[in-house]
Amino acid sequence: MLQNCRRDGSLVWLKENAQVMRDADGRTLYYEGTVEDISAEHAAREEARLSAEQARAAEGEARLSAEQARAAEEQARAAEEQARAAEGEARMAAADAHRAQAEAQAAAERLREALEGTVTAMGALTEIRDPHTAGHERRVTMLAVAIARRLGMGDDSLTALRLAGQVHDIGKISVPAEILNKPGALSEMEFELVKQHPRLAYAILNTVSFEWPVALIVLQHHERRDGSGYPHGIAGDEILPEARVLAVADVVESMASHRPYRPALGMDAALAEIESGRGTLYDADVVDACLAVVRKDGFELPG
C-alpha cells in the first residue's frame, strides 16, 4: 500500500498487485500487475481506528467519571455524617444552654427572693422601733409604684422602686424617737440630724448586692430638681428617675397622712404642694403622673 499524489494535488491511497511472467525455461518475459485505488477503504479503516480510539477515550473518561462519582458519593456520605454529628452536638449544646439558662434564672430568682427578704427584714426592724415610719414606707411604696406605672417605667424600675420604697427611711433608726415624733418645729441642730438619714440608709443598703440601684435611689429621695434638697444638693437629671418618683410619693404621703406630731393635712393639700413645685422642686412629668393616678385612676392611700 502506498500513497500517491493526483494531478490536482490531492492524495490517494493505492494497492499494487504484481507478478513476473516467465517462459518455459524460467526466463523473465515481462511483469504483469494491477493498481487499485483503496482511498475509501483506507479512509474507512482510519475512521474506524479513530472511532476505536475515541471509544477507548470515552471509556476512560467514563471510568474516571465513575471514580469521581464514587468519590463524590463518599464525600457526600462523610459530609452527611459530619452534619448529623454537628446536629447532635448542636442539640446537646442547645440543651446545655437551656439547662444553664434555667439554672441561671432559678439562681437569679433565689437571689431576688433573698434580697426581698433582706428588705423585708430591714422594714421589720424599722417597724419595731417606729411603727409609724413602717406604715409610711408601705404607703409611699404603693404610690410610687402606681406613679411609675403611669409613666410607663420598665419592670426593673418598678422592682427598684418597690424595694427602695420599703426601706427609704431606714436611716432614721439613728435619729432619736423624740426628735422624729416632736410636735412643732425642729431646731436647726435637730433638722440637721434628721437630714443625715439618707446617708445612713445608703451606708446600710450599699452593703447589699442589689441588682438595681436601690441604695442610690434612697440616698437621693430628698433631693430636689432645683438643687435645694439634701444630702448632696444635686439637681435635674443628676437625680435618678426612680428617686424623682420616690420624692413626690414621699411628699404626698407625708402630707396626706397623719403624723405623730400633727393631724393629716389631706390629699388635696398634698397635691397642691406638688403642683406648686412642679418643674422646680419636683419633676414635672412625675407630678403630672401622680395627679393622674389620684384624680383619674382613683388611687387612695390605705389607712
C-alpha atoms as a PDB file:
ATOM      1  CA  MET A   1       0.000   0.000   0.000  1.00  0.00           C
ATOM      2  CA  LEU A   2       1.375   3.316  -0.992  1.00  0.00           C
ATOM      3  CA  GLN A   3       0.269   6.906  -1.126  1.00  0.00           C
ATOM      4  CA  ASN A   4       0.386   8.914  -4.318  1.00  0.00           C
ATOM      5  CA  CYS A   5      -0.468  12.421  -5.382  1.00  0.00           C
ATOM      6  CA  ARG A   6      -3.014  13.197  -8.066  1.00  0.00           C
ATOM      7  CA  ARG A   7      -2.572  15.927 -10.613  1.00  0.00           C
ATOM      8  CA  ASP A   8      -4.974  18.148  -8.671  1.00  0.00           C
ATOM      9  CA  GLY A   9      -2.718  17.802  -5.631  1.00  0.00           C
ATOM     10  CA  SER A  10      -4.983  15.514  -3.630  1.00  0.00           C
ATOM     11  CA  LEU A  11      -3.597  12.356  -2.055  1.00  0.00           C
ATOM     12  CA  VAL A  12      -4.702   8.876  -2.979  1.00  0.00           C
ATOM     13  CA  TRP A  13      -4.018   5.506  -1.384  1.00  0.00           C
ATOM     14  CA  LEU A  14      -3.098   2.731  -3.859  1.00  0.00           C
ATOM     15  CA  LYS A  15      -2.734  -1.039  -3.603  1.00  0.00           C
ATOM     16  CA  GLU A  16      -0.376  -2.746  -6.067  1.00  0.00           C
ATOM     17  CA  ASN A  17      -0.580  -6.372  -7.213  1.00  0.00           C
ATOM     18  CA  ALA A  18       2.339  -7.503  -9.492  1.00  0.00           C
ATOM     19  CA  GLN A  19       3.748 -10.770 -10.739  1.00  0.00           C
ATOM     20  CA  VAL A  20       6.640 -11.870 -13.027  1.00  0.00           C
ATOM     21  CA  MET A  21       5.751 -13.703 -16.223  1.00  0.00           C
ATOM     22  CA  ARG A  22       8.392 -16.323 -17.277  1.00  0.00           C
ATOM     23  CA  ASP A  23       8.935 -18.696 -20.255  1.00  0.00           C
ATOM     24  CA  ALA A  24       9.345 -22.453 -20.056  1.00  0.00           C
ATOM     25  CA  ASP A  25      12.994 -22.044 -19.283  1.00  0.00           C
ATOM     26  CA  GLY A  26      12.291 -19.682 -16.457  1.00  0.00           C
ATOM     27  CA  ARG A  27      13.425 -16.609 -18.151  1.00  0.00           C
ATOM     28  CA  THR A  28      11.580 -13.360 -17.307  1.00  0.00           C
ATOM     29  CA  LEU A  29       9.397 -12.293 -20.067  1.00  0.00           C
ATOM     30  CA  TYR A  30       7.541  -9.335 -18.508  1.00  0.00           C
ATOM     31  CA  TYR A  31       5.839  -8.080 -15.426  1.00  0.00           C
ATOM     32  CA  GLU A  32       2.110  -8.046 -15.026  1.00  0.00           C
ATOM     33  CA  GLY A  33       0.161  -6.226 -12.292  1.00  0.00           C
ATOM     34  CA  THR A  34      -2.745  -4.051 -11.196  1.00  0.00           C
ATOM     35  CA  VAL A  35      -3.038  -0.834  -9.217  1.00  0.00           C
ATOM     36  CA  GLU A  36      -6.209  -0.414  -7.099  1.00  0.00           C
ATOM     37  CA  ASP A  37      -7.441   2.839  -5.547  1.00  0.00           C
ATOM     38  CA  ILE A  38      -8.169   1.958  -1.900  1.00  0.00           C
ATOM     39  CA  SER A  39      -8.575   5.526  -0.593  1.00  0.00           C
ATOM     40  CA  ALA A  40     -12.163   4.876   0.504  1.00  0.00           C
ATOM     41  CA  GLU A  41     -11.175   1.641   2.216  1.00  0.00           C
ATOM     42  CA  HIS A  42      -8.248   3.341   3.885  1.00  0.00           C
ATOM     43  CA  ALA A  43     -10.457   6.221   4.990  1.00  0.00           C
ATOM     44  CA  ALA A  44     -12.956   3.748   6.441  1.00  0.00           C
ATOM     45  CA  ARG A  45     -10.210   1.906   8.308  1.00  0.00           C
ATOM     46  CA  GLU A  46      -8.817   5.229   9.578  1.00  0.00           C
ATOM     47  CA  GLU A  47     -12.261   6.327  10.668  1.00  0.00           C
ATOM     48  CA  ALA A  48     -12.744   3.003  12.416  1.00  0.00           C
ATOM     49  CA  ARG A  49      -9.381   3.398  14.111  1.00  0.00           C
ATOM     50  CA  LEU A  50     -10.256   6.915  15.262  1.00  0.00           C
ATOM     51  CA  SER A  51     -13.662   5.730  16.464  1.00  0.00           C
ATOM     52  CA  ALA A  52     -11.990   2.952  18.431  1.00  0.00           C
ATOM     53  CA  GLU A  53      -9.575   5.424  19.988  1.00  0.00           C
ATOM     54  CA  GLN A  54     -12.468   7.761  20.824  1.00  0.00           C
ATOM     55  CA  ALA A  55     -14.369   4.837  22.292  1.00  0.00           C
ATOM     56  CA  ARG A  56     -11.361   3.901  24.413  1.00  0.00           C
ATOM     57  CA  ALA A  57     -11.007   7.568  25.477  1.00  0.00           C
ATOM     58  CA  ALA A  58     -14.725   7.752  26.280  1.00  0.00           C
ATOM     59  CA  GLU A  59     -14.425   4.525  28.247  1.00  0.00           C
ATOM     60  CA  GLY A  60     -11.512   6.011  30.169  1.00  0.00           C
ATOM     61  CA  GLU A  61     -13.496   9.173  30.829  1.00  0.00           C
ATOM     62  CA  ALA A  62     -16.460   7.085  31.917  1.00  0.00           C
ATOM     63  CA  ARG A  63     -14.256   5.147  34.331  1.00  0.00           C
ATOM     64  CA  LEU A  64     -12.830   8.420  35.626  1.00  0.00           C
ATOM     65  CA  SER A  65     -16.325   9.875  35.972  1.00  0.00           C
ATOM     66  CA  ALA A  66     -17.440   6.772  37.793  1.00  0.00           C
ATOM     67  CA  GLU A  67     -14.479   7.054  40.153  1.00  0.00           C
ATOM     68  CA  GLN A  68     -15.190  10.730  40.660  1.00  0.00           C
ATOM     69  CA  ALA A  69     -18.861   9.923  41.283  1.00  0.00           C
ATOM     70  CA  ARG A  70     -17.872   7.296  43.840  1.00  0.00           C
ATOM     71  CA  ALA A  71     -15.506   9.790  45.473  1.00  0.00           C
ATOM     72  CA  ALA A  72     -18.245  12.441  45.485  1.00  0.00           C
ATOM     73  CA  GLU A  73     -20.645   9.915  46.976  1.00  0.00           C
ATOM     74  CA  GLU A  74     -18.109   9.107  49.688  1.00  0.00           C
ATOM     75  CA  GLN A  75     -17.628  12.811  50.364  1.00  0.00           C
ATOM     76  CA  ALA A  76     -21.403  13.280  50.492  1.00  0.00           C
ATOM     77  CA  ARG A  77     -21.735  10.419  52.976  1.00  0.00           C
ATOM     78  CA  ALA A  78     -18.904  11.860  55.051  1.00  0.00           C
ATOM     79  CA  ALA A  79     -20.493  15.318  54.925  1.00  0.00           C
ATOM     80  CA  GLU A  80     -23.843  13.840  55.907  1.00  0.00           C
ATOM     81  CA  GLU A  81     -22.233  12.050  58.845  1.00  0.00           C
ATOM     82  CA  GLN A  82     -20.477  15.255  59.862  1.00  0.00           C
ATOM     83  CA  ALA A  83     -23.771  17.136  59.547  1.00  0.00           C
ATOM     84  CA  ARG A  84     -25.519  14.563  61.732  1.00  0.00           C
ATOM     85  CA  ALA A  85     -22.699  14.756  64.244  1.00  0.00           C
ATOM     86  CA  ALA A  86     -22.827  18.575  64.191  1.00  0.00           C
ATOM     87  CA  GLU A  87     -26.614  18.470  64.572  1.00  0.00           C
ATOM     88  CA  GLY A  88     -26.244  16.177  67.542  1.00  0.00           C
ATOM     89  CA  GLU A  89     -23.642  18.459  69.082  1.00  0.00           C
ATOM     90  CA  ALA A  90     -25.871  21.470  68.394  1.00  0.00           C
ATOM     91  CA  ARG A  91     -28.801  19.750  70.105  1.00  0.00           C
ATOM     92  CA  MET A  92     -26.609  18.908  73.069  1.00  0.00           C
ATOM     93  CA  ALA A  93     -25.276  22.464  73.182  1.00  0.00           C
ATOM     94  CA  ALA A  94     -28.813  23.849  72.972  1.00  0.00           C
ATOM     95  CA  ALA A  95     -29.921  21.533  75.761  1.00  0.00           C
ATOM     96  CA  ASP A  96     -26.914  22.574  77.853  1.00  0.00           C
ATOM     97  CA  ALA A  97     -27.627  26.244  77.139  1.00  0.00           C
ATOM     98  CA  HIS A  98     -31.294  25.807  78.025  1.00  0.00           C
ATOM     99  CA  ARG A  99     -30.371  23.999  81.215  1.00  0.00           C
ATOM    100  CA  ALA A 100     -27.793  26.662  82.088  1.00  0.00           C
ATOM    101  CA  GLN A 101     -30.325  29.402  81.377  1.00  0.00           C
ATOM    102  CA  ALA A 102     -32.913  27.695  83.552  1.00  0.00           C
ATOM    103  CA  GLU A 103     -30.359  27.292  86.338  1.00  0.00           C
ATOM    104  CA  ALA A 104     -29.314  30.933  85.981  1.00  0.00           C
ATOM    105  CA  GLN A 105     -32.942  32.058  86.103  1.00  0.00           C
ATOM    106  CA  ALA A 106     -33.560  29.908  89.151  1.00  0.00           C
ATOM    107  CA  ALA A 107     -30.447  31.304  90.823  1.00  0.00           C
ATOM    108  CA  ALA A 108     -31.498  34.853  89.942  1.00  0.00           C
ATOM    109  CA  GLU A 109     -34.963  34.187  91.354  1.00  0.00           C
ATOM    110  CA  ARG A 110     -33.454  32.802  94.563  1.00  0.00           C
ATOM    111  CA  LEU A 111     -31.199  35.844  94.815  1.00  0.00           C
ATOM    112  CA  ARG A 112     -34.161  38.164  94.176  1.00  0.00           C
ATOM    113  CA  GLU A 113     -36.157  36.404  96.875  1.00  0.00           C
ATOM    114  CA  ALA A 114     -33.212  36.654  99.247  1.00  0.00           C
ATOM    115  CA  LEU A 115     -32.821  40.361  98.555  1.00  0.00           C
ATOM    116  CA  GLU A 116     -36.528  40.972  99.016  1.00  0.00           C
ATOM    117  CA  GLY A 117     -36.320  39.011 102.252  1.00  0.00           C
ATOM    118  CA  THR A 118     -33.450  41.246 103.332  1.00  0.00           C
ATOM    119  CA  VAL A 119     -35.528  44.333 102.591  1.00  0.00           C
ATOM    120  CA  THR A 120     -38.492  42.888 104.453  1.00  0.00           C
ATOM    121  CA  ALA A 121     -36.255  42.194 107.453  1.00  0.00           C
ATOM    122  CA  MET A 122     -34.968  45.764 107.346  1.00  0.00           C
ATOM    123  CA  GLY A 123     -38.542  47.058 107.201  1.00  0.00           C
ATOM    124  CA  ALA A 124     -39.457  44.896 110.181  1.00  0.00           C
ATOM    125  CA  LEU A 125     -36.544  46.380 112.114  1.00  0.00           C
ATOM    126  CA  THR A 126     -37.836  49.880 111.355  1.00  0.00           C
ATOM    127  CA  GLU A 127     -41.365  48.904 112.361  1.00  0.00           C
ATOM    128  CA  ILE A 128     -40.200  47.563 115.730  1.00  0.00           C
ATOM    129  CA  ARG A 129     -38.583  50.899 116.519  1.00  0.00           C
ATOM    130  CA  ASP A 130     -41.153  53.182 114.878  1.00  0.00           C
ATOM    131  CA  PRO A 131     -44.432  51.631 113.663  1.00  0.00           C
ATOM    132  CA  HIS A 132     -45.481  54.914 112.041  1.00  0.00           C
ATOM    133  CA  THR A 133     -42.386  55.008 109.813  1.00  0.00           C
ATOM    134  CA  ALA A 134     -43.008  51.444 108.630  1.00  0.00           C
ATOM    135  CA  GLY A 135     -46.597  52.275 107.643  1.00  0.00           C
ATOM    136  CA  HIS A 136     -45.376  55.392 105.880  1.00  0.00           C
ATOM    137  CA  GLU A 137     -42.857  53.353 103.873  1.00  0.00           C
ATOM    138  CA  ARG A 138     -45.521  50.870 102.750  1.00  0.00           C
ATOM    139  CA  ARG A 139     -47.889  53.607 101.590  1.00  0.00           C
ATOM    140  CA  VAL A 140     -45.120  55.525  99.821  1.00  0.00           C
ATOM    141  CA  THR A 141     -44.125  52.325  98.018  1.00  0.00           C
ATOM    142  CA  MET A 142     -47.678  51.755  96.784  1.00  0.00           C
ATOM    143  CA  LEU A 143     -47.998  55.311  95.461  1.00  0.00           C
ATOM    144  CA  ALA A 144     -44.509  55.328  93.917  1.00  0.00           C
ATOM    145  CA  VAL A 145     -45.158  52.094  92.012  1.00  0.00           C
ATOM    146  CA  ALA A 146     -48.514  53.450  90.770  1.00  0.00           C
ATOM    147  CA  ILE A 147     -46.807  56.635  89.537  1.00  0.00           C
ATOM    148  CA  ALA A 148     -44.042  54.653  87.846  1.00  0.00           C
ATOM    149  CA  ARG A 149     -46.610  52.513  86.033  1.00  0.00           C
ATOM    150  CA  ARG A 150     -48.373  55.679  84.863  1.00  0.00           C
ATOM    151  CA  LEU A 151     -45.031  56.884  83.473  1.00  0.00           C
ATOM    152  CA  GLY A 152     -44.518  53.594  81.632  1.00  0.00           C
ATOM    153  CA  MET A 153     -41.353  52.667  83.516  1.00  0.00           C
ATOM    154  CA  GLY A 154     -39.980  49.171  82.934  1.00  0.00           C
ATOM    155  CA  ASP A 155     -40.022  46.176  85.237  1.00  0.00           C
ATOM    156  CA  ASP A 156     -36.523  46.883  86.571  1.00  0.00           C
ATOM    157  CA  SER A 157     -37.542  50.396  87.652  1.00  0.00           C
ATOM    158  CA  LEU A 158     -40.715  49.065  89.274  1.00  0.00           C
ATOM    159  CA  THR A 159     -38.741  46.463  91.212  1.00  0.00           C
ATOM    160  CA  ALA A 160     -36.130  49.012  92.256  1.00  0.00           C
ATOM    161  CA  LEU A 161     -38.852  51.399  93.458  1.00  0.00           C
ATOM    162  CA  ARG A 162     -40.674  48.633  95.301  1.00  0.00           C
ATOM    163  CA  LEU A 163     -37.507  47.716  97.207  1.00  0.00           C
ATOM    164  CA  ALA A 164     -36.301  51.274  97.773  1.00  0.00           C
ATOM    165  CA  GLY A 165     -39.720  52.463  98.924  1.00  0.00           C
ATOM    166  CA  GLN A 166     -39.949  49.812 101.635  1.00  0.00           C
ATOM    167  CA  VAL A 167     -36.707  50.962 103.299  1.00  0.00           C
ATOM    168  CA  HIS A 168     -36.274  54.576 102.180  1.00  0.00           C
ATOM    169  CA  ASP A 169     -36.407  55.831 105.783  1.00  0.00           C
ATOM    170  CA  ILE A 170     -34.345  53.071 107.381  1.00  0.00           C
ATOM    171  CA  GLY A 171     -31.659  55.655 108.102  1.00  0.00           C
ATOM    172  CA  LYS A 172     -33.990  57.179 110.711  1.00  0.00           C
ATOM    173  CA  ILE A 173     -33.012  54.417 113.118  1.00  0.00           C
ATOM    174  CA  SER A 174     -30.117  56.739 114.011  1.00  0.00           C
ATOM    175  CA  VAL A 175     -32.481  59.631 114.841  1.00  0.00           C
ATOM    176  CA  PRO A 176     -33.833  59.735 118.400  1.00  0.00           C
ATOM    177  CA  ALA A 177     -37.551  58.947 118.586  1.00  0.00           C
ATOM    178  CA  GLU A 178     -38.271  62.144 120.497  1.00  0.00           C
ATOM    179  CA  ILE A 179     -36.993  64.156 117.523  1.00  0.00           C
ATOM    180  CA  LEU A 180     -38.941  62.118 114.961  1.00  0.00           C
ATOM    181  CA  ASN A 181     -42.158  62.498 116.966  1.00  0.00           C
ATOM    182  CA  LYS A 182     -41.569  66.033 118.255  1.00  0.00           C
ATOM    183  CA  PRO A 183     -44.606  68.297 117.872  1.00  0.00           C
ATOM    184  CA  GLY A 184     -43.828  71.674 116.403  1.00  0.00           C
ATOM    185  CA  ALA A 185     -40.788  72.873 114.503  1.00  0.00           C
ATOM    186  CA  LEU A 186     -37.402  71.191 114.834  1.00  0.00           C
ATOM    187  CA  SER A 187     -34.368  73.165 115.879  1.00  0.00           C
ATOM    188  CA  GLU A 188     -31.644  73.702 113.314  1.00  0.00           C
ATOM    189  CA  MET A 189     -29.483  71.080 115.008  1.00  0.00           C
ATOM    190  CA  GLU A 190     -32.356  68.594 115.147  1.00  0.00           C
ATOM    191  CA  PHE A 191     -33.180  69.137 111.482  1.00  0.00           C
ATOM    192  CA  GLU A 192     -29.536  68.645 110.517  1.00  0.00           C
ATOM    193  CA  LEU A 193     -29.610  65.359 112.373  1.00  0.00           C
ATOM    194  CA  VAL A 194     -32.769  64.265 110.523  1.00  0.00           C
ATOM    195  CA  LYS A 195     -31.202  65.243 107.201  1.00  0.00           C
ATOM    196  CA  GLN A 196     -28.486  62.644 107.729  1.00  0.00           C
ATOM    197  CA  HIS A 197     -30.895  59.707 107.464  1.00  0.00           C
ATOM    198  CA  PRO A 198     -30.469  59.267 103.655  1.00  0.00           C
ATOM    199  CA  ARG A 199     -26.692  58.983 104.152  1.00  0.00           C
ATOM    200  CA  LEU A 200     -27.060  56.329 106.829  1.00  0.00           C
ATOM    201  CA  ALA A 201     -29.642  54.464 104.746  1.00  0.00           C
ATOM    202  CA  TYR A 202     -27.232  54.475 101.812  1.00  0.00           C
ATOM    203  CA  ALA A 203     -24.415  53.159 104.027  1.00  0.00           C
ATOM    204  CA  ILE A 204     -26.673  50.311 105.178  1.00  0.00           C
ATOM    205  CA  LEU A 205     -28.170  49.417 101.802  1.00  0.00           C
ATOM    206  CA  ASN A 206     -24.932  49.731  99.859  1.00  0.00           C
ATOM    207  CA  THR A 207     -23.625  46.652 101.685  1.00  0.00           C
ATOM    208  CA  VAL A 208     -26.335  44.574  99.980  1.00  0.00           C
ATOM    209  CA  SER A 209     -25.622  43.397  96.412  1.00  0.00           C
ATOM    210  CA  PHE A 210     -28.854  44.583  94.821  1.00  0.00           C
ATOM    211  CA  GLU A 211     -29.334  44.079  91.090  1.00  0.00           C
ATOM    212  CA  TRP A 212     -30.833  47.586  90.979  1.00  0.00           C
ATOM    213  CA  PRO A 213     -29.575  50.982  92.296  1.00  0.00           C
ATOM    214  CA  VAL A 214     -31.691  50.720  95.460  1.00  0.00           C
ATOM    215  CA  ALA A 215     -29.161  52.399  97.750  1.00  0.00           C
ATOM    216  CA  LEU A 216     -28.689  55.334  95.370  1.00  0.00           C
ATOM    217  CA  ILE A 217     -32.453  55.842  94.948  1.00  0.00           C
ATOM    218  CA  VAL A 218     -32.850  56.005  98.727  1.00  0.00           C
ATOM    219  CA  LEU A 219     -29.892  58.375  99.042  1.00  0.00           C
ATOM    220  CA  GLN A 220     -31.472  60.792  96.540  1.00  0.00           C
ATOM    221  CA  HIS A 221     -35.145  60.732  97.572  1.00  0.00           C
ATOM    222  CA  HIS A 222     -34.870  64.088  99.397  1.00  0.00           C
ATOM    223  CA  GLU A 223     -33.027  65.806  96.544  1.00  0.00           C
ATOM    224  CA  ARG A 224     -34.955  68.443  94.605  1.00  0.00           C
ATOM    225  CA  ARG A 225     -34.938  69.350  90.920  1.00  0.00           C
ATOM    226  CA  ASP A 226     -33.637  72.881  91.581  1.00  0.00           C
ATOM    227  CA  GLY A 227     -30.783  71.646  93.795  1.00  0.00           C
ATOM    228  CA  SER A 228     -32.370  72.777  97.080  1.00  0.00           C
ATOM    229  CA  GLY A 229     -32.686  69.266  98.522  1.00  0.00           C
ATOM    230  CA  TYR A 230     -30.354  67.155 100.641  1.00  0.00           C
ATOM    231  CA  PRO A 231     -27.967  65.475 101.371  1.00  0.00           C
ATOM    232  CA  HIS A 232     -25.870  66.496  98.312  1.00  0.00           C
ATOM    233  CA  GLY A 233     -27.897  69.268  96.714  1.00  0.00           C
ATOM    234  CA  ILE A 234     -27.816  67.670  93.264  1.00  0.00           C
ATOM    235  CA  ALA A 235     -30.288  68.852  90.625  1.00  0.00           C
ATOM    236  CA  GLY A 236     -32.104  67.982  87.405  1.00  0.00           C
ATOM    237  CA  ASP A 237     -31.001  64.861  85.574  1.00  0.00           C
ATOM    238  CA  GLU A 238     -28.341  64.164  88.214  1.00  0.00           C
ATOM    239  CA  ILE A 239     -31.221  62.677  90.208  1.00  0.00           C
ATOM    240  CA  LEU A 240     -32.232  59.159  89.198  1.00  0.00           C
ATOM    241  CA  PRO A 241     -35.709  58.896  87.608  1.00  0.00           C
ATOM    242  CA  GLU A 242     -36.761  56.430  90.312  1.00  0.00           C
ATOM    243  CA  ALA A 243     -35.583  58.845  93.034  1.00  0.00           C
ATOM    244  CA  ARG A 244     -37.693  61.631  91.473  1.00  0.00           C
ATOM    245  CA  VAL A 245     -40.743  59.365  91.668  1.00  0.00           C
ATOM    246  CA  LEU A 246     -39.979  58.366  95.252  1.00  0.00           C
ATOM    247  CA  ALA A 247     -39.535  62.038  96.228  1.00  0.00           C
ATOM    248  CA  VAL A 248     -43.033  63.001  95.019  1.00  0.00           C
ATOM    249  CA  ALA A 249     -44.659  59.918  96.564  1.00  0.00           C
ATOM    250  CA  ASP A 250     -42.892  60.634  99.866  1.00  0.00           C
ATOM    251  CA  VAL A 251     -44.111  64.248  99.997  1.00  0.00           C
ATOM    252  CA  VAL A 252     -47.696  63.342  99.077  1.00  0.00           C
ATOM    253  CA  GLU A 253     -47.957  60.537 101.627  1.00  0.00           C
ATOM    254  CA  SER A 254     -46.292  62.607 104.371  1.00  0.00           C
ATOM    255  CA  MET A 255     -48.731  65.493 103.942  1.00  0.00           C
ATOM    256  CA  ALA A 256     -51.853  63.439 103.284  1.00  0.00           C
ATOM    257  CA  SER A 257     -51.408  61.060 106.228  1.00  0.00           C
ATOM    258  CA  HIS A 258     -51.466  61.518 109.969  1.00  0.00           C
ATOM    259  CA  ARG A 259     -48.134  62.192 111.639  1.00  0.00           C
ATOM    260  CA  PRO A 260     -47.380  61.719 115.343  1.00  0.00           C
ATOM    261  CA  TYR A 261     -46.754  65.451 115.698  1.00  0.00           C
ATOM    262  CA  ARG A 262     -49.722  66.729 113.622  1.00  0.00           C
ATOM    263  CA  PRO A 263     -53.015  65.589 112.060  1.00  0.00           C
ATOM    264  CA  ALA A 264     -53.264  64.686 108.378  1.00  0.00           C
ATOM    265  CA  LEU A 265     -53.332  67.687 106.042  1.00  0.00           C
ATOM    266  CA  GLY A 266     -55.280  65.716 103.430  1.00  0.00           C
ATOM    267  CA  MET A 267     -54.742  64.652  99.830  1.00  0.00           C
ATOM    268  CA  ASP A 268     -55.870  67.999  98.375  1.00  0.00           C
ATOM    269  CA  ALA A 269     -53.187  69.875 100.305  1.00  0.00           C
ATOM    270  CA  ALA A 270     -50.577  67.291  99.305  1.00  0.00           C
ATOM    271  CA  LEU A 271     -51.465  67.580  95.613  1.00  0.00           C
ATOM    272  CA  ALA A 272     -51.464  71.370  95.841  1.00  0.00           C
ATOM    273  CA  GLU A 273     -47.927  71.198  97.244  1.00  0.00           C
ATOM    274  CA  ILE A 274     -46.519  69.141  94.371  1.00  0.00           C
ATOM    275  CA  GLU A 275     -48.436  71.239  91.814  1.00  0.00           C
ATOM    276  CA  SER A 276     -46.874  74.419  93.198  1.00  0.00           C
ATOM    277  CA  GLY A 277     -43.411  72.825  92.991  1.00  0.00           C
ATOM    278  CA  ARG A 278     -43.951  71.286  89.558  1.00  0.00           C
ATOM    279  CA  GLY A 279     -40.830  71.766  87.431  1.00  0.00           C
ATOM    280  CA  THR A 280     -38.908  73.488  90.246  1.00  0.00           C
ATOM    281  CA  LEU A 281     -38.805  71.241  93.292  1.00  0.00           C
ATOM    282  CA  TYR A 282     -40.339  68.210  91.628  1.00  0.00           C
ATOM    283  CA  ASP A 283     -40.047  66.602  88.197  1.00  0.00           C
ATOM    284  CA  ALA A 284     -42.938  67.882  86.044  1.00  0.00           C
ATOM    285  CA  ASP A 285     -43.683  64.510  84.426  1.00  0.00           C
ATOM    286  CA  VAL A 286     -43.716  62.777  87.792  1.00  0.00           C
ATOM    287  CA  VAL A 287     -46.073  65.403  89.234  1.00  0.00           C
ATOM    288  CA  ASP A 288     -48.435  65.027  86.270  1.00  0.00           C
ATOM    289  CA  ALA A 289     -48.398  61.251  86.643  1.00  0.00           C
ATOM    290  CA  CYS A 290     -49.114  61.484  90.369  1.00  0.00           C
ATOM    291  CA  LEU A 291     -52.034  63.855  89.774  1.00  0.00           C
ATOM    292  CA  ALA A 292     -53.424  61.438  87.164  1.00  0.00           C
ATOM    293  CA  VAL A 293     -53.004  58.443  89.478  1.00  0.00           C
ATOM    294  CA  VAL A 294     -55.033  60.148  92.214  1.00  0.00           C
ATOM    295  CA  ARG A 295     -57.562  62.168  90.209  1.00  0.00           C
ATOM    296  CA  LYS A 296     -58.139  59.907  87.196  1.00  0.00           C
ATOM    297  CA  ASP A 297     -57.210  56.445  88.415  1.00  0.00           C
ATOM    298  CA  GLY A 298     -58.794  56.915  91.832  1.00  0.00           C
ATOM    299  CA  PHE A 299     -55.751  55.898  93.855  1.00  0.00           C
ATOM    300  CA  GLU A 300     -56.281  56.169  97.617  1.00  0.00           C
ATOM    301  CA  LEU A 301     -53.732  55.771 100.385  1.00  0.00           C
ATOM    302  CA  PRO A 302     -54.643  52.922 102.740  1.00  0.00           C
ATOM    303  CA  GLY A 303     -55.304  53.804 106.353  1.00  0.00           C
END
